[in-house]
Amino acid sequence: MSGVRIKNKAILIVVMMVISGCAHWDRTDKVLLAGLTVACIADVATTRHILNDGGEEKNPILSRNTELIIPLGLAALGVVYLISDQLSPTARKWLLGMANGIKWGCVVHNANEL
């Protein structure tokens, strides 16, 4: 899947989430969700770049199923959103903040592998 199509799908997902439920979230929550979405896109893009350069997927779940990188990434983002939407505003910020830290850590790891 091309980078442009990934970006378009991610933008569509964020817009759908804002319209369908997180409109009641405050600005910080929305920024954290947007940051997580960008991190997911960056993770997929850097992983694809590593794989195209002959590298290997280090995630044991995906190592033999690299075609699942995008669907599982989108599913994970959706699950984090659904759980976050059920939490109190304080707990939501903690969950989104931790998810951002984990995902951006993956991106940094990938960048170091490039």
Protein backbone atom coordinates (compact mmCIF):
# COMPACT_ATOMS: atom_id res chain seq x y z
CA MET A 1 0.00 0.00 0.00
CA SER A 2 1.43 3.37 -0.92
CA GLY A 3 2.26 6.02 1.63
CA VAL A 4 -0.39 8.37 0.21
CA ARG A 5 -3.13 5.76 0.62
CA ILE A 6 -2.00 5.08 4.20
CA LYS A 7 -2.12 8.80 5.01
CA ASN A 8 -5.55 9.16 3.41
CA LYS A 9 -6.94 6.26 5.44
CA ALA A 10 -5.44 7.59 8.66
CA ILE A 11 -6.92 11.04 8.05
CA LEU A 12 -10.29 9.47 7.32
CA ILE A 13 -10.10 7.44 10.54
CA VAL A 14 -9.32 10.51 12.64
CA VAL A 15 -12.15 12.49 11.03
CA MET A 16 -14.56 9.61 11.62
CA MET A 17 -13.50 9.33 15.27
CA VAL A 18 -13.95 13.06 15.84
CA ILE A 19 -17.37 13.06 14.19
CA SER A 20 -18.60 9.85 15.79
CA GLY A 21 -17.62 10.28 19.38
CA CYS A 22 -14.58 12.14 20.51
CA ALA A 23 -16.16 15.50 19.74
CA HIS A 24 -16.79 15.73 23.51
CA TRP A 25 -13.06 15.28 24.22
CA ASP A 26 -11.01 18.32 25.15
CA ARG A 27 -8.24 19.68 22.96
CA THR A 28 -5.49 17.78 24.80
CA ASP A 29 -7.26 14.45 24.22
CA LYS A 30 -7.69 15.20 20.53
CA VAL A 31 -4.05 16.23 20.14
CA LEU A 32 -2.93 13.04 21.90
CA LEU A 33 -5.12 10.95 19.58
CA ALA A 34 -3.80 12.81 16.52
CA GLY A 35 -0.23 12.27 17.75
CA LEU A 36 -0.91 8.57 18.18
CA THR A 37 -2.35 8.39 14.67
CA VAL A 38 0.73 10.10 13.23
CA ALA A 39 2.94 7.70 15.21
CA CYS A 40 1.05 4.74 13.74
CA ILE A 41 1.55 6.10 10.24
CA ALA A 42 5.25 6.72 10.90
CA ASP A 43 5.65 3.21 12.35
CA VAL A 44 4.11 1.61 9.27
CA ALA A 45 6.13 3.79 6.90
CA THR A 46 9.45 3.12 8.61
CA THR A 47 8.70 -0.59 8.94
CA ARG A 48 7.88 -0.79 5.23
CA HIS A 49 11.12 1.03 4.41
CA ILE A 50 13.13 -1.44 6.52
CA LEU A 51 11.40 -4.42 4.90
CA ASN A 52 11.95 -3.02 1.39
CA ASP A 53 15.66 -2.64 2.20
CA GLY A 54 15.92 -6.31 3.11
CA GLY A 55 15.45 -5.89 6.85
CA GLU A 56 13.16 -8.01 8.96
CA GLU A 57 10.18 -7.38 11.20
CA LYS A 58 11.24 -7.72 14.83
CA ASN A 59 7.70 -8.00 16.21
CA PRO A 60 7.23 -11.75 16.82
CA ILE A 61 3.52 -11.53 16.01
CA LEU A 62 4.14 -9.90 12.63
CA SER A 63 7.47 -11.45 11.67
CA ARG A 64 5.85 -14.03 9.39
CA ASN A 65 2.73 -11.99 8.57
CA THR A 66 4.02 -8.62 7.38
CA GLU A 67 0.87 -8.11 5.29
CA LEU A 68 -0.99 -7.64 8.59
CA ILE A 69 1.07 -4.60 9.65
CA ILE A 70 -1.46 -2.06 8.40
CA PRO A 71 -4.70 -3.83 9.40
CA LEU A 72 -3.43 -4.65 12.89
CA GLY A 73 -2.07 -1.13 13.33
CA LEU A 74 -5.43 0.36 12.40
CA ALA A 75 -7.22 -2.13 14.66
CA ALA A 76 -4.94 -1.26 17.58
CA LEU A 77 -5.56 2.45 17.04
CA GLY A 78 -9.30 1.79 17.00
CA VAL A 79 -9.16 -0.25 20.21
CA VAL A 80 -7.19 2.48 21.99
CA TYR A 81 -9.77 5.00 20.82
CA LEU A 82 -12.72 2.88 21.97
CA ILE A 83 -11.20 2.25 25.39
CA SER A 84 -10.17 5.90 25.75
CA ASP A 85 -13.67 7.07 24.95
CA GLN A 86 -15.01 5.09 27.95
CA LEU A 87 -12.51 6.51 30.43
CA SER A 88 -12.61 9.61 32.57
CA PRO A 89 -10.79 12.60 31.07
CA THR A 90 -7.80 12.09 33.38
CA ALA A 91 -7.51 8.36 32.69
CA ARG A 92 -7.98 9.03 28.95
CA LYS A 93 -4.98 11.37 28.94
CA TRP A 94 -2.86 8.78 30.75
CA LEU A 95 -3.80 6.00 28.32
CA LEU A 96 -3.29 8.16 25.23
CA GLY A 97 -0.02 9.49 26.61
CA MET A 98 1.32 6.00 27.33
CA ALA A 99 0.17 4.74 23.92
CA ASN A 100 1.98 7.67 22.29
CA GLY A 101 5.16 6.90 24.23
CA ILE A 102 5.11 3.25 23.21
CA LYS A 103 4.32 3.91 19.55
CA TRP A 104 6.82 6.76 19.19
CA GLY A 105 9.40 4.49 20.81
CA CYS A 106 8.75 1.98 18.02
CA VAL A 107 9.21 4.73 15.44
CA VAL A 108 12.53 5.80 17.00
CA HIS A 109 13.68 2.18 17.03
CA ASN A 110 12.77 1.83 13.37
CA ALA A 111 14.56 5.07 12.52
CA ASN A 112 17.69 3.73 14.19
CA GLU A 113 17.42 0.59 12.04
CA LEU A 114 17.29 2.59 8.79
